[in-house]
Amino acid sequence: MWRNLLAWPGVCVAAVMLMSGGGVAVAADRAAAFQPPALHGPAPWTSTRFDDAPGDFAFAVVTDLQSGYRKGVFEVAAAELGLLHPAFIITVGDLIDGGTEDEAKLNAEWDEFDARLKGTHAPFFHVGGNHDLTNLTQRRVFEQRYGRRYYHFSYKGVLFLVLDTEDYPPARMAEIYHQRADYIAMLKTDPAKAQSLPYASALEAKVGEVGPDQSAYFEQVLKAHPKARWTVLLMHKPVWRRGDGHGLERIEAALKGRPYTLLNGHLHRYGYAARDGHDYITLGTTGGERAFDGSEGAMDHMMWVTMTRDGPSIANLKLDGVLDKTGHVPAGGDALCLDHGGPKCPH
């Protein structure tokens, strides 16, 4: 029994000794962390049960930069993450502009993004969005630089599923790429006419697709991790809104009976939905094009997730709300158009 307990993330030897009658050892372990002075009378603190259980950890999620990156905004987020020190950082995609088959240009864009991560300290986990995986060339460049487009990992007993919502068959991906190019070109000259083009109404443009091989992969992952204490799904497009067999149906069925949380991006507007008792959250932007009219969900932010024994505690940090020790938004953020209405905001 004790061998199994020791294998659980965050269980210390002292705790096991207490459960097996070793109360002195666990008392010594607690005393090493908290050493109050000798008291005579009431204690000036409410509890000695500190909110830092060994299995707890915090990670950060950043979201869309593209469809019009606003220079300097993600640099503010990176500087703030450098101050906050999450265990790791993960994205929900759209990190480069993309939309080209020029490999040199694509690699230059990825180099530029990777340079923005300097000073964040923590590992960064890639998730592809439609700007990152617009065509087969971009898919190849992504795989050469960062490996798998969909994958999983575990950290302290929490299972993370990273999905690719641009998971189309090659011929369909090429067709979507050319339709998208026509749509973007028409937007510049005749926005009204652009809405009549195939890409404007394509289901893939709104919710993406998860192919059968990817669904089978995550079915096997979930089968191999039956005791994960929580599962977190990360993806770019809200493919869970698609119900024609090319969405999340198989993976959601495999998740049945498990506690999980789903995070996606793409819409550039924060949104929350409860689906069968689970949180399905769409993040806003971390520097991408967005509204500045005060409308609900339009914001530059990053998500701070603290995993506890009871599940995730989620806080959204607006970029103009994280100040450094001087009381300013780091990385020159005071001069940018963030939610505080800086000098560069449209008026």
Protein backbone atom coordinates (compact mmCIF):
# COMPACT_ATOMS: atom_id res chain seq x y z
CA MET A 1 0.00 0.00 0.00
CA TRP A 2 2.71 2.48 0.99
CA ARG A 3 4.65 1.73 -2.18
CA ASN A 4 1.60 2.78 -4.21
CA LEU A 5 1.21 5.96 -2.18
CA LEU A 6 4.82 6.90 -2.75
CA ALA A 7 4.27 6.59 -6.50
CA TRP A 8 1.55 9.27 -6.37
CA PRO A 9 2.85 12.72 -7.34
CA GLY A 10 3.28 15.00 -4.34
CA VAL A 11 3.07 12.33 -1.62
CA CYS A 12 6.03 12.75 0.71
CA VAL A 13 7.70 10.15 2.89
CA ALA A 14 6.69 12.03 6.04
CA ALA A 15 3.02 11.85 5.09
CA VAL A 16 3.25 8.11 4.56
CA MET A 17 4.99 7.72 7.93
CA LEU A 18 2.14 9.56 9.61
CA MET A 19 -0.41 7.21 8.06
CA SER A 20 1.68 4.26 9.20
CA GLY A 21 2.15 5.61 12.72
CA GLY A 22 5.17 7.88 12.09
CA GLY A 23 3.63 11.05 13.56
CA VAL A 24 6.97 12.43 14.80
CA ALA A 25 8.45 12.46 11.30
CA VAL A 26 5.55 14.34 9.73
CA ALA A 27 5.56 16.87 12.55
CA ALA A 28 9.24 17.51 11.88
CA ASP A 29 8.53 17.86 8.17
CA ARG A 30 5.87 20.52 8.83
CA ALA A 31 8.09 22.33 11.31
CA ALA A 32 10.80 22.66 8.68
CA ALA A 33 8.41 24.70 6.51
CA PHE A 34 6.66 26.78 9.17
CA GLN A 35 8.54 27.85 12.27
CA PRO A 36 6.54 30.27 14.42
CA PRO A 37 7.92 31.88 17.55
CA ALA A 38 6.85 30.71 21.00
CA LEU A 39 3.40 32.14 21.66
CA HIS A 40 1.52 33.01 24.82
CA GLY A 41 -2.12 33.47 23.93
CA PRO A 42 -3.91 33.64 20.56
CA ALA A 43 -1.97 33.20 17.31
CA PRO A 44 -2.00 36.11 14.82
CA TRP A 45 -2.86 33.80 11.91
CA THR A 46 -6.01 31.94 11.03
CA SER A 47 -4.63 28.50 10.23
CA THR A 48 -1.47 26.47 9.80
CA ARG A 49 -2.94 24.49 6.92
CA PHE A 50 -1.05 26.24 4.16
CA ASP A 51 -2.52 26.41 0.67
CA ASP A 52 0.49 24.87 -1.08
CA ALA A 53 -0.12 21.15 -1.25
CA PRO A 54 2.75 19.19 -2.86
CA GLY A 55 0.57 18.12 -5.81
CA ASP A 56 -0.56 21.65 -6.66
CA PHE A 57 0.95 23.55 -9.58
CA ALA A 58 0.11 26.51 -11.81
CA PHE A 59 0.42 26.85 -15.58
CA ALA A 60 -0.36 29.71 -17.95
CA VAL A 61 -2.26 29.71 -21.24
CA VAL A 62 -1.76 32.32 -23.96
CA THR A 63 -3.95 32.71 -27.01
CA ASP A 64 -4.28 34.28 -30.47
CA LEU A 65 -1.64 36.70 -31.73
CA GLN A 66 -2.65 36.74 -35.37
CA SER A 67 -5.25 38.19 -37.75
CA GLY A 68 -3.42 41.45 -37.17
CA TYR A 69 -0.72 41.22 -34.50
CA ARG A 70 -0.33 44.43 -32.51
CA LYS A 71 3.38 44.99 -32.07
CA GLY A 72 4.70 44.67 -28.54
CA VAL A 73 1.61 43.14 -26.92
CA PHE A 74 2.82 39.55 -26.66
CA GLU A 75 6.15 40.88 -25.40
CA VAL A 76 4.21 42.36 -22.46
CA ALA A 77 2.65 38.95 -21.77
CA ALA A 78 6.07 37.27 -21.94
CA ALA A 79 7.55 39.78 -19.48
CA GLU A 80 4.64 39.25 -17.10
CA LEU A 81 5.03 35.48 -17.31
CA GLY A 82 8.70 35.99 -16.46
CA LEU A 83 7.54 37.67 -13.24
CA LEU A 84 4.88 35.08 -12.41
CA HIS A 85 6.92 31.87 -12.92
CA PRO A 86 4.30 29.29 -13.94
CA ALA A 87 5.42 25.67 -14.08
CA PHE A 88 4.92 25.83 -17.85
CA ILE A 89 3.21 27.89 -20.55
CA ILE A 90 0.94 26.52 -23.24
CA THR A 91 -0.96 28.16 -26.09
CA VAL A 92 -4.17 27.56 -28.00
CA GLY A 93 -2.60 28.56 -31.31
CA ASP A 94 -2.27 31.23 -34.01
CA LEU A 95 1.26 32.30 -33.19
CA ILE A 96 2.43 33.39 -36.67
CA ASP A 97 0.75 35.12 -39.61
CA GLY A 98 1.32 32.22 -42.02
CA GLY A 99 -0.78 32.03 -45.17
CA THR A 100 2.22 31.35 -47.42
CA GLU A 101 4.10 28.40 -48.90
CA ASP A 102 7.44 30.21 -48.70
CA GLU A 103 9.43 28.08 -46.24
CA ALA A 104 12.05 30.76 -45.62
CA LYS A 105 9.35 33.26 -44.68
CA LEU A 106 7.59 30.75 -42.45
CA ASN A 107 10.80 29.89 -40.60
CA ALA A 108 11.54 33.59 -40.16
CA GLU A 109 8.09 34.09 -38.62
CA TRP A 110 8.62 31.16 -36.26
CA ASP A 111 12.08 32.48 -35.34
CA GLU A 112 10.50 35.83 -34.51
CA PHE A 113 7.89 34.21 -32.30
CA ASP A 114 10.39 31.98 -30.52
CA ALA A 115 12.50 35.05 -29.75
CA ARG A 116 9.47 36.57 -27.98
CA LEU A 117 9.63 33.79 -25.41
CA LYS A 118 13.01 34.86 -24.03
CA GLY A 119 12.79 35.65 -20.35
CA THR A 120 9.70 33.55 -19.66
CA HIS A 121 11.82 30.88 -17.88
CA ALA A 122 9.19 28.14 -18.15
CA PRO A 123 8.85 25.49 -20.89
CA PHE A 124 6.52 26.51 -23.72
CA PHE A 125 4.20 23.93 -25.33
CA HIS A 126 3.13 24.50 -28.93
CA VAL A 127 -0.44 24.09 -30.18
CA GLY A 128 -1.15 24.74 -33.86
CA GLY A 129 -3.87 27.14 -35.05
CA ASN A 130 -5.18 27.83 -38.53
CA HIS A 131 -2.58 30.59 -39.07
CA ASP A 132 0.15 28.15 -38.03
CA LEU A 133 -1.16 25.26 -40.14
CA THR A 134 -2.77 26.94 -43.15
CA ASN A 135 -1.39 24.60 -45.81
CA LEU A 136 0.66 21.44 -46.31
CA THR A 137 3.93 23.38 -46.41
CA GLN A 138 3.14 24.99 -43.07
CA ARG A 139 2.24 21.59 -41.66
CA ARG A 140 5.63 20.27 -42.75
CA VAL A 141 7.54 23.26 -41.33
CA PHE A 142 5.69 22.97 -38.03
CA GLU A 143 6.51 19.26 -37.76
CA GLN A 144 10.17 19.86 -38.64
CA ARG A 145 10.52 22.50 -35.93
CA TYR A 146 8.21 21.28 -33.16
CA GLY A 147 7.32 17.67 -33.88
CA ARG A 148 3.82 16.27 -33.54
CA ARG A 149 0.78 18.39 -34.36
CA TYR A 150 -1.26 16.50 -31.74
CA TYR A 151 0.17 14.88 -28.64
CA HIS A 152 -0.29 14.38 -24.90
CA PHE A 153 1.69 14.65 -21.69
CA SER A 154 1.12 14.25 -17.94
CA TYR A 155 2.29 16.52 -15.15
CA LYS A 156 1.76 15.70 -11.47
CA GLY A 157 -1.04 13.32 -12.32
CA VAL A 158 -2.88 15.71 -14.68
CA LEU A 159 -3.29 14.56 -18.28
CA PHE A 160 -3.00 17.16 -21.06
CA LEU A 161 -4.41 16.47 -24.54
CA VAL A 162 -3.15 18.81 -27.29
CA LEU A 163 -5.32 18.66 -30.41
CA ASP A 164 -4.84 19.76 -34.02
CA THR A 165 -8.10 21.26 -35.29
CA GLU A 166 -6.65 21.73 -38.81
CA ASP A 167 -6.53 17.95 -39.24
CA TYR A 168 -7.86 17.70 -42.81
CA PRO A 169 -7.00 15.15 -45.49
CA PRO A 170 -4.25 16.61 -47.73
CA ALA A 171 -6.50 17.29 -50.73
CA ARG A 172 -9.10 19.06 -48.60
CA MET A 173 -6.42 21.08 -46.81
CA ALA A 174 -5.08 22.33 -50.16
CA GLU A 175 -8.62 23.24 -51.26
CA ILE A 176 -9.29 25.15 -48.03
CA TYR A 177 -5.98 27.01 -48.37
CA HIS A 178 -6.82 28.30 -51.85
CA GLN A 179 -10.39 29.19 -50.85
CA ARG A 180 -9.00 31.12 -47.88
CA ALA A 181 -6.52 32.98 -50.10
CA ASP A 182 -9.35 34.04 -52.46
CA TYR A 183 -11.45 35.15 -49.50
CA ILE A 184 -8.69 37.26 -47.93
CA ALA A 185 -7.88 38.91 -51.28
CA MET A 186 -11.56 39.78 -51.84
CA LEU A 187 -11.89 41.20 -48.31
CA LYS A 188 -9.42 43.92 -49.26
CA THR A 189 -11.39 45.10 -52.29
CA ASP A 190 -15.03 44.10 -51.74
CA PRO A 191 -15.83 42.89 -48.19
CA ALA A 192 -19.51 42.33 -48.98
CA LYS A 193 -18.75 40.12 -51.97
CA ALA A 194 -16.18 38.19 -49.94
CA GLN A 195 -18.99 36.87 -47.74
CA SER A 196 -20.44 35.03 -50.75
CA LEU A 197 -17.24 33.04 -51.38
CA PRO A 198 -17.04 29.35 -50.30
CA TYR A 199 -14.57 29.97 -47.46
CA ALA A 200 -16.92 32.42 -45.71
CA SER A 201 -19.47 29.67 -45.09
CA ALA A 202 -17.12 26.69 -44.80
CA LEU A 203 -17.64 24.72 -41.60
CA GLU A 204 -13.90 24.13 -41.39
CA ALA A 205 -13.24 27.87 -41.20
CA LYS A 206 -15.39 28.18 -38.09
CA VAL A 207 -14.86 24.99 -36.12
CA GLY A 208 -12.05 23.01 -37.79
CA GLU A 209 -11.82 19.24 -37.97
CA VAL A 210 -10.37 16.29 -36.08
CA GLY A 211 -9.57 13.31 -38.30
CA PRO A 212 -10.15 9.62 -37.47
CA ASP A 213 -6.48 8.86 -36.79
CA GLN A 214 -6.29 11.69 -34.26
CA SER A 215 -9.48 10.55 -32.55
CA ALA A 216 -8.11 7.01 -32.34
CA TYR A 217 -4.84 8.32 -30.89
CA PHE A 218 -6.60 10.12 -28.03
CA GLU A 219 -8.91 7.19 -27.39
CA GLN A 220 -5.80 5.08 -26.78
CA VAL A 221 -4.20 7.79 -24.63
CA LEU A 222 -7.27 7.97 -22.41
CA LYS A 223 -7.44 4.20 -22.16
CA ALA A 224 -3.78 4.14 -21.08
CA HIS A 225 -4.35 6.80 -18.39
CA PRO A 226 -7.46 5.65 -16.51
CA LYS A 227 -6.42 7.23 -13.20
CA ALA A 228 -5.50 10.75 -14.32
CA ARG A 229 -6.76 13.07 -11.58
CA TRP A 230 -7.91 15.61 -14.20
CA THR A 231 -7.73 15.98 -17.98
CA VAL A 232 -7.16 19.30 -19.78
CA LEU A 233 -7.86 19.57 -23.52
CA LEU A 234 -6.23 22.36 -25.54
CA MET A 235 -7.04 23.21 -29.15
CA HIS A 236 -7.37 26.20 -31.44
CA LYS A 237 -10.81 26.06 -33.06
CA PRO A 238 -13.97 25.14 -31.10
CA VAL A 239 -14.22 21.79 -32.87
CA TRP A 240 -16.51 20.60 -30.06
CA ARG A 241 -19.25 22.62 -31.79
CA ARG A 242 -19.09 20.35 -34.82
CA GLY A 243 -21.45 17.37 -34.72
CA ASP A 244 -21.13 15.63 -38.08
CA GLY A 245 -18.56 12.99 -37.13
CA HIS A 246 -15.56 15.22 -37.87
CA GLY A 247 -15.57 16.95 -34.50
CA LEU A 248 -14.87 15.89 -30.93
CA GLU A 249 -17.54 13.21 -30.62
CA ARG A 250 -15.26 10.18 -30.24
CA ILE A 251 -12.92 11.91 -27.80
CA GLU A 252 -15.81 13.25 -25.71
CA ALA A 253 -17.25 9.74 -25.57
CA ALA A 254 -13.89 8.42 -24.34
CA LEU A 255 -13.84 11.16 -21.68
CA LYS A 256 -17.21 10.14 -20.26
CA GLY A 257 -17.07 9.78 -16.49
CA ARG A 258 -13.81 11.71 -16.14
CA PRO A 259 -13.28 15.22 -14.77
CA TYR A 260 -11.95 17.47 -17.54
CA THR A 261 -11.69 21.05 -18.79
CA LEU A 262 -11.53 22.21 -22.43
CA LEU A 263 -9.75 25.36 -23.63
CA ASN A 264 -9.76 26.76 -27.18
CA GLY A 265 -9.13 30.03 -29.03
CA HIS A 266 -9.81 31.28 -32.59
CA LEU A 267 -12.76 33.63 -31.97
CA HIS A 268 -10.75 36.49 -30.41
CA ARG A 269 -13.45 36.91 -27.78
CA TYR A 270 -13.64 35.26 -24.38
CA GLY A 271 -16.56 32.92 -23.84
CA TYR A 272 -17.66 30.35 -21.29
CA ALA A 273 -19.95 27.36 -21.69
CA ALA A 274 -20.91 24.53 -19.35
CA ARG A 275 -21.30 21.31 -21.33
CA ASP A 276 -22.46 18.18 -19.52
CA GLY A 277 -21.05 19.58 -16.30
CA HIS A 278 -17.64 20.47 -17.77
CA ASP A 279 -16.05 23.86 -18.44
CA TYR A 280 -15.61 24.70 -22.14
CA ILE A 281 -13.76 28.01 -22.37
CA THR A 282 -12.83 30.12 -25.40
CA LEU A 283 -9.94 32.49 -24.75
CA GLY A 284 -9.71 36.03 -26.13
CA THR A 285 -6.43 37.41 -27.50
CA THR A 286 -2.84 37.91 -26.40
CA GLY A 287 -2.03 40.55 -29.01
CA GLY A 288 -4.27 39.61 -31.93
CA GLU A 289 -6.89 41.73 -33.67
CA ARG A 290 -9.81 42.47 -31.36
CA ALA A 291 -12.60 44.93 -30.63
CA PHE A 292 -11.97 47.99 -28.45
CA ASP A 293 -15.59 48.96 -27.94
CA GLY A 294 -15.90 47.60 -24.42
CA SER A 295 -17.97 44.65 -25.59
CA GLU A 296 -18.04 41.53 -23.45
CA GLY A 297 -15.19 39.09 -23.98
CA ALA A 298 -13.00 41.43 -26.04
CA MET A 299 -9.74 41.57 -24.11
CA ASP A 300 -6.01 40.89 -24.14
CA HIS A 301 -5.28 38.39 -21.42
CA MET A 302 -3.60 35.20 -20.38
CA MET A 303 -5.14 32.44 -18.31
CA TRP A 304 -3.62 31.35 -15.00
CA VAL A 305 -4.65 27.82 -14.00
CA THR A 306 -3.82 26.42 -10.57
CA MET A 307 -4.34 22.67 -10.34
CA THR A 308 -5.50 21.62 -6.89
CA ARG A 309 -6.71 18.35 -5.47
CA ASP A 310 -10.26 19.55 -6.24
CA GLY A 311 -9.51 20.44 -9.87
CA PRO A 312 -8.46 23.59 -11.71
CA SER A 313 -8.86 27.07 -10.25
CA ILE A 314 -8.95 29.45 -13.23
CA ALA A 315 -8.11 33.15 -13.20
CA ASN A 316 -7.87 35.41 -16.25
CA LEU A 317 -5.17 38.06 -16.03
CA LYS A 318 -5.64 41.11 -18.25
CA LEU A 319 -2.32 42.28 -19.59
CA ASP A 320 -2.71 45.76 -18.15
CA GLY A 321 -3.48 44.30 -14.73
CA VAL A 322 -0.12 42.68 -14.02
CA LEU A 323 2.31 45.34 -12.85
CA ASP A 324 6.00 45.01 -12.03
CA LYS A 325 7.62 46.15 -8.79
CA THR A 326 7.70 49.76 -10.02
CA GLY A 327 3.94 49.75 -10.46
CA HIS A 328 4.03 49.74 -14.28
CA VAL A 329 3.02 47.31 -17.02
CA PRO A 330 6.33 45.67 -17.98
CA ALA A 331 7.97 45.73 -21.42
CA GLY A 332 6.63 49.21 -22.18
CA GLY A 333 3.02 48.11 -21.86
CA ASP A 334 1.89 51.46 -20.45
CA ALA A 335 2.33 52.96 -23.95
CA LEU A 336 0.37 50.24 -25.76
CA CYS A 337 -3.30 49.83 -26.47
CA LEU A 338 -4.40 47.34 -23.86
CA ASP A 339 -7.62 47.32 -21.85
CA HIS A 340 -6.61 50.39 -19.89
CA GLY A 341 -7.01 52.50 -23.06
CA GLY A 342 -3.41 53.50 -23.70
CA PRO A 343 -2.33 56.30 -26.02
CA LYS A 344 -2.27 54.01 -29.05
CA CYS A 345 -5.89 52.88 -28.70
CA PRO A 346 -8.34 53.80 -31.44
CA HIS A 347 -10.61 56.68 -30.42
